[in-house]
Amino acid sequence: MTARPALSIPSAGAQCRQHIAELAGVIGASAEIIARYAELGDDVGLEYQLRRLILHVRAATQTFKDLAEFENARRAESEAA
């Protein structure tokens, strides 16, 4: 019987940072699409992409708030120990 490799689960903070990084990529792509729609004069596409951009920025902001909570709790725990 072979031993199973140990699974490495990233910390909550690392997961938050990874999610923010992924969202940053989506936000950047959305910004490029928004610029193209603006250049083309496509107001329907422009509005749709702006709404998506706002949703992604809000998600990144909330994830950062979660990250701050995790980090503050971690610091409080280490200071209490």
N, C-alpha and C. Protein backbone atom coordinates (compact mmCIF):
# COMPACT_ATOMS: atom_id res chain seq x y z
N MET A 1 0.84 -1.17 0.00
CA MET A 1 0.00 0.00 0.00
C MET A 1 0.89 1.24 0.00
N THR A 2 0.63 2.16 -0.92
CA THR A 2 1.42 3.38 -0.99
C THR A 2 0.77 4.48 -0.17
N ALA A 3 1.59 5.32 0.41
CA ALA A 3 1.08 6.41 1.23
C ALA A 3 0.53 7.51 0.32
N ARG A 4 -0.57 8.06 0.75
CA ARG A 4 -1.17 9.17 0.00
C ARG A 4 -0.40 10.45 0.31
N PRO A 5 -0.20 11.26 -0.70
CA PRO A 5 0.48 12.54 -0.44
C PRO A 5 -0.44 13.45 0.39
N ALA A 6 0.16 14.21 1.27
CA ALA A 6 -0.62 15.12 2.10
C ALA A 6 -1.20 16.25 1.24
N LEU A 7 -2.43 16.58 1.51
CA LEU A 7 -3.06 17.69 0.80
C LEU A 7 -2.68 18.99 1.47
N SER A 8 -2.37 19.96 0.67
CA SER A 8 -2.04 21.27 1.19
C SER A 8 -3.21 22.20 0.93
N ILE A 9 -3.83 22.65 1.99
CA ILE A 9 -4.97 23.56 1.87
C ILE A 9 -4.48 24.95 2.21
N PRO A 10 -4.61 25.89 1.27
CA PRO A 10 -4.14 27.25 1.54
C PRO A 10 -4.91 27.88 2.69
N SER A 11 -4.25 28.77 3.40
CA SER A 11 -4.91 29.47 4.49
C SER A 11 -6.01 30.36 3.95
N ALA A 12 -6.89 30.79 4.84
CA ALA A 12 -7.98 31.67 4.44
C ALA A 12 -7.44 32.94 3.81
N GLY A 13 -6.37 33.48 4.40
CA GLY A 13 -5.76 34.69 3.85
C GLY A 13 -5.22 34.47 2.45
N ALA A 14 -4.55 33.34 2.25
CA ALA A 14 -4.01 33.03 0.93
C ALA A 14 -5.12 32.85 -0.09
N GLN A 15 -6.22 32.22 0.33
CA GLN A 15 -7.35 32.04 -0.58
C GLN A 15 -7.96 33.39 -0.96
N CYS A 16 -8.06 34.29 0.01
CA CYS A 16 -8.60 35.63 -0.28
C CYS A 16 -7.70 36.36 -1.26
N ARG A 17 -6.39 36.31 -1.03
CA ARG A 17 -5.47 36.99 -1.94
C ARG A 17 -5.53 36.42 -3.34
N GLN A 18 -5.65 35.11 -3.44
CA GLN A 18 -5.75 34.46 -4.74
C GLN A 18 -7.03 34.90 -5.45
N HIS A 19 -8.14 34.95 -4.72
CA HIS A 19 -9.41 35.37 -5.30
C HIS A 19 -9.32 36.82 -5.78
N ILE A 20 -8.71 37.69 -4.99
CA ILE A 20 -8.55 39.09 -5.39
C ILE A 20 -7.69 39.18 -6.66
N ALA A 21 -6.64 38.39 -6.73
CA ALA A 21 -5.78 38.39 -7.92
C ALA A 21 -6.56 37.94 -9.16
N GLU A 22 -7.39 36.91 -9.00
CA GLU A 22 -8.21 36.45 -10.12
C GLU A 22 -9.21 37.53 -10.54
N LEU A 23 -9.82 38.17 -9.56
CA LEU A 23 -10.77 39.24 -9.87
C LEU A 23 -10.07 40.41 -10.56
N ALA A 24 -8.83 40.69 -10.17
CA ALA A 24 -8.08 41.78 -10.80
C ALA A 24 -7.89 41.50 -12.29
N GLY A 25 -7.66 40.25 -12.63
CA GLY A 25 -7.54 39.88 -14.04
C GLY A 25 -8.85 40.11 -14.80
N VAL A 26 -9.95 39.74 -14.17
CA VAL A 26 -11.26 39.95 -14.79
C VAL A 26 -11.55 41.44 -14.92
N ILE A 27 -11.20 42.20 -13.88
CA ILE A 27 -11.42 43.65 -13.90
C ILE A 27 -10.62 44.29 -15.04
N GLY A 28 -9.39 43.87 -15.20
CA GLY A 28 -8.56 44.40 -16.29
C GLY A 28 -9.14 44.09 -17.66
N ALA A 29 -9.61 42.86 -17.83
CA ALA A 29 -10.22 42.48 -19.11
C ALA A 29 -11.49 43.28 -19.35
N SER A 30 -12.27 43.48 -18.29
CA SER A 30 -13.50 44.26 -18.41
C SER A 30 -13.19 45.69 -18.82
N ALA A 31 -12.12 46.25 -18.27
CA ALA A 31 -11.75 47.63 -18.62
C ALA A 31 -11.40 47.74 -20.10
N GLU A 32 -10.72 46.73 -20.63
CA GLU A 32 -10.40 46.74 -22.07
C GLU A 32 -11.66 46.67 -22.92
N ILE A 33 -12.59 45.81 -22.51
CA ILE A 33 -13.84 45.67 -23.25
C ILE A 33 -14.64 46.96 -23.19
N ILE A 34 -14.65 47.59 -22.01
CA ILE A 34 -15.36 48.86 -21.85
C ILE A 34 -14.79 49.91 -22.80
N ALA A 35 -13.48 49.98 -22.89
CA ALA A 35 -12.84 50.95 -23.79
C ALA A 35 -13.26 50.69 -25.24
N ARG A 36 -13.31 49.42 -25.62
CA ARG A 36 -13.71 49.10 -27.01
C ARG A 36 -15.16 49.48 -27.28
N TYR A 37 -16.05 49.15 -26.33
CA TYR A 37 -17.45 49.52 -26.50
C TYR A 37 -17.61 51.04 -26.59
N ALA A 38 -16.85 51.76 -25.78
CA ALA A 38 -16.90 53.23 -25.82
C ALA A 38 -16.43 53.74 -27.18
N GLU A 39 -15.34 53.17 -27.69
CA GLU A 39 -14.83 53.59 -29.00
C GLU A 39 -15.82 53.30 -30.12
N LEU A 40 -16.53 52.18 -29.99
CA LEU A 40 -17.50 51.78 -31.02
C LEU A 40 -18.83 52.52 -30.90
N GLY A 41 -19.04 53.16 -29.75
CA GLY A 41 -20.32 53.84 -29.53
C GLY A 41 -21.44 52.88 -29.17
N ASP A 42 -21.09 51.71 -28.69
CA ASP A 42 -22.09 50.69 -28.31
C ASP A 42 -22.50 50.93 -26.86
N ASP A 43 -23.53 51.74 -26.67
CA ASP A 43 -23.95 52.11 -25.32
C ASP A 43 -24.56 50.95 -24.54
N VAL A 44 -25.22 50.03 -25.23
CA VAL A 44 -25.81 48.87 -24.55
C VAL A 44 -24.69 47.99 -23.99
N GLY A 45 -23.71 47.68 -24.83
CA GLY A 45 -22.58 46.88 -24.38
C GLY A 45 -21.78 47.59 -23.31
N LEU A 46 -21.64 48.89 -23.46
CA LEU A 46 -20.91 49.71 -22.48
C LEU A 46 -21.57 49.64 -21.12
N GLU A 47 -22.89 49.81 -21.09
CA GLU A 47 -23.60 49.75 -19.80
C GLU A 47 -23.48 48.37 -19.17
N TYR A 48 -23.64 47.33 -19.97
CA TYR A 48 -23.55 45.96 -19.46
C TYR A 48 -22.18 45.69 -18.85
N GLN A 49 -21.12 46.07 -19.57
CA GLN A 49 -19.78 45.81 -19.06
C GLN A 49 -19.45 46.67 -17.85
N LEU A 50 -19.97 47.90 -17.81
CA LEU A 50 -19.76 48.73 -16.62
C LEU A 50 -20.42 48.11 -15.39
N ARG A 51 -21.61 47.56 -15.58
CA ARG A 51 -22.29 46.89 -14.46
C ARG A 51 -21.49 45.68 -13.98
N ARG A 52 -20.96 44.91 -14.92
CA ARG A 52 -20.13 43.75 -14.56
C ARG A 52 -18.86 44.19 -13.83
N LEU A 53 -18.25 45.26 -14.33
CA LEU A 53 -17.04 45.79 -13.70
C LEU A 53 -17.32 46.17 -12.24
N ILE A 54 -18.43 46.86 -12.02
CA ILE A 54 -18.80 47.27 -10.67
C ILE A 54 -19.00 46.06 -9.77
N LEU A 55 -19.66 45.02 -10.28
CA LEU A 55 -19.87 43.81 -9.48
C LEU A 55 -18.54 43.16 -9.10
N HIS A 56 -17.60 43.11 -10.04
CA HIS A 56 -16.31 42.50 -9.75
C HIS A 56 -15.50 43.33 -8.76
N VAL A 57 -15.57 44.65 -8.88
CA VAL A 57 -14.86 45.51 -7.93
C VAL A 57 -15.47 45.35 -6.54
N ARG A 58 -16.78 45.27 -6.46
CA ARG A 58 -17.44 45.06 -5.16
C ARG A 58 -17.03 43.72 -4.55
N ALA A 59 -16.95 42.69 -5.39
CA ALA A 59 -16.54 41.37 -4.90
C ALA A 59 -15.11 41.41 -4.37
N ALA A 60 -14.23 42.10 -5.09
CA ALA A 60 -12.83 42.21 -4.64
C ALA A 60 -12.76 43.00 -3.34
N THR A 61 -13.55 44.06 -3.22
CA THR A 61 -13.57 44.85 -2.00
C THR A 61 -14.06 44.03 -0.82
N GLN A 62 -15.12 43.25 -1.01
CA GLN A 62 -15.63 42.41 0.07
C GLN A 62 -14.62 41.34 0.46
N THR A 63 -13.96 40.78 -0.53
CA THR A 63 -12.94 39.76 -0.24
C THR A 63 -11.80 40.38 0.55
N PHE A 64 -11.42 41.62 0.23
CA PHE A 64 -10.37 42.28 1.00
C PHE A 64 -10.83 42.52 2.44
N LYS A 65 -12.09 42.89 2.63
CA LYS A 65 -12.61 43.06 3.99
C LYS A 65 -12.53 41.75 4.76
N ASP A 66 -12.87 40.65 4.08
CA ASP A 66 -12.76 39.32 4.70
C ASP A 66 -11.31 39.02 5.07
N LEU A 67 -10.40 39.33 4.16
CA LEU A 67 -8.97 39.12 4.41
C LEU A 67 -8.54 39.90 5.65
N ALA A 68 -8.95 41.15 5.75
CA ALA A 68 -8.58 41.98 6.90
C ALA A 68 -9.11 41.37 8.19
N GLU A 69 -10.33 40.85 8.16
CA GLU A 69 -10.89 40.20 9.35
C GLU A 69 -10.06 38.98 9.75
N PHE A 70 -9.73 38.14 8.76
CA PHE A 70 -8.93 36.94 9.04
C PHE A 70 -7.58 37.33 9.64
N GLU A 71 -6.94 38.32 9.03
CA GLU A 71 -5.61 38.73 9.50
C GLU A 71 -5.69 39.36 10.89
N ASN A 72 -6.70 40.16 11.16
CA ASN A 72 -6.86 40.75 12.49
C ASN A 72 -7.10 39.68 13.55
N ALA A 73 -7.90 38.68 13.22
CA ALA A 73 -8.16 37.58 14.15
C ALA A 73 -6.88 36.78 14.38
N ARG A 74 -6.11 36.55 13.33
CA ARG A 74 -4.86 35.80 13.45
C ARG A 74 -3.88 36.56 14.35
N ARG A 75 -3.76 37.87 14.15
CA ARG A 75 -2.86 38.67 14.97
C ARG A 75 -3.31 38.66 16.44
N ALA A 76 -4.60 38.79 16.66
CA ALA A 76 -5.12 38.79 18.03
C ALA A 76 -4.83 37.45 18.70
N GLU A 77 -4.97 36.37 17.95
CA GLU A 77 -4.67 35.04 18.50
C GLU A 77 -3.20 34.90 18.87
N SER A 78 -2.33 35.37 17.97
CA SER A 78 -0.89 35.23 18.25
C SER A 78 -0.45 36.15 19.39
N GLU A 79 -1.08 37.30 19.54
CA GLU A 79 -0.74 38.19 20.65
C GLU A 79 -1.25 37.64 21.98
N ALA A 80 -2.37 36.91 21.94
CA ALA A 80 -2.93 36.33 23.16
C ALA A 80 -2.10 35.13 23.64
N ALA A 81 -1.42 34.50 22.70
CA ALA A 81 -0.65 33.28 23.06
C ALA A 81 0.66 33.60 23.73
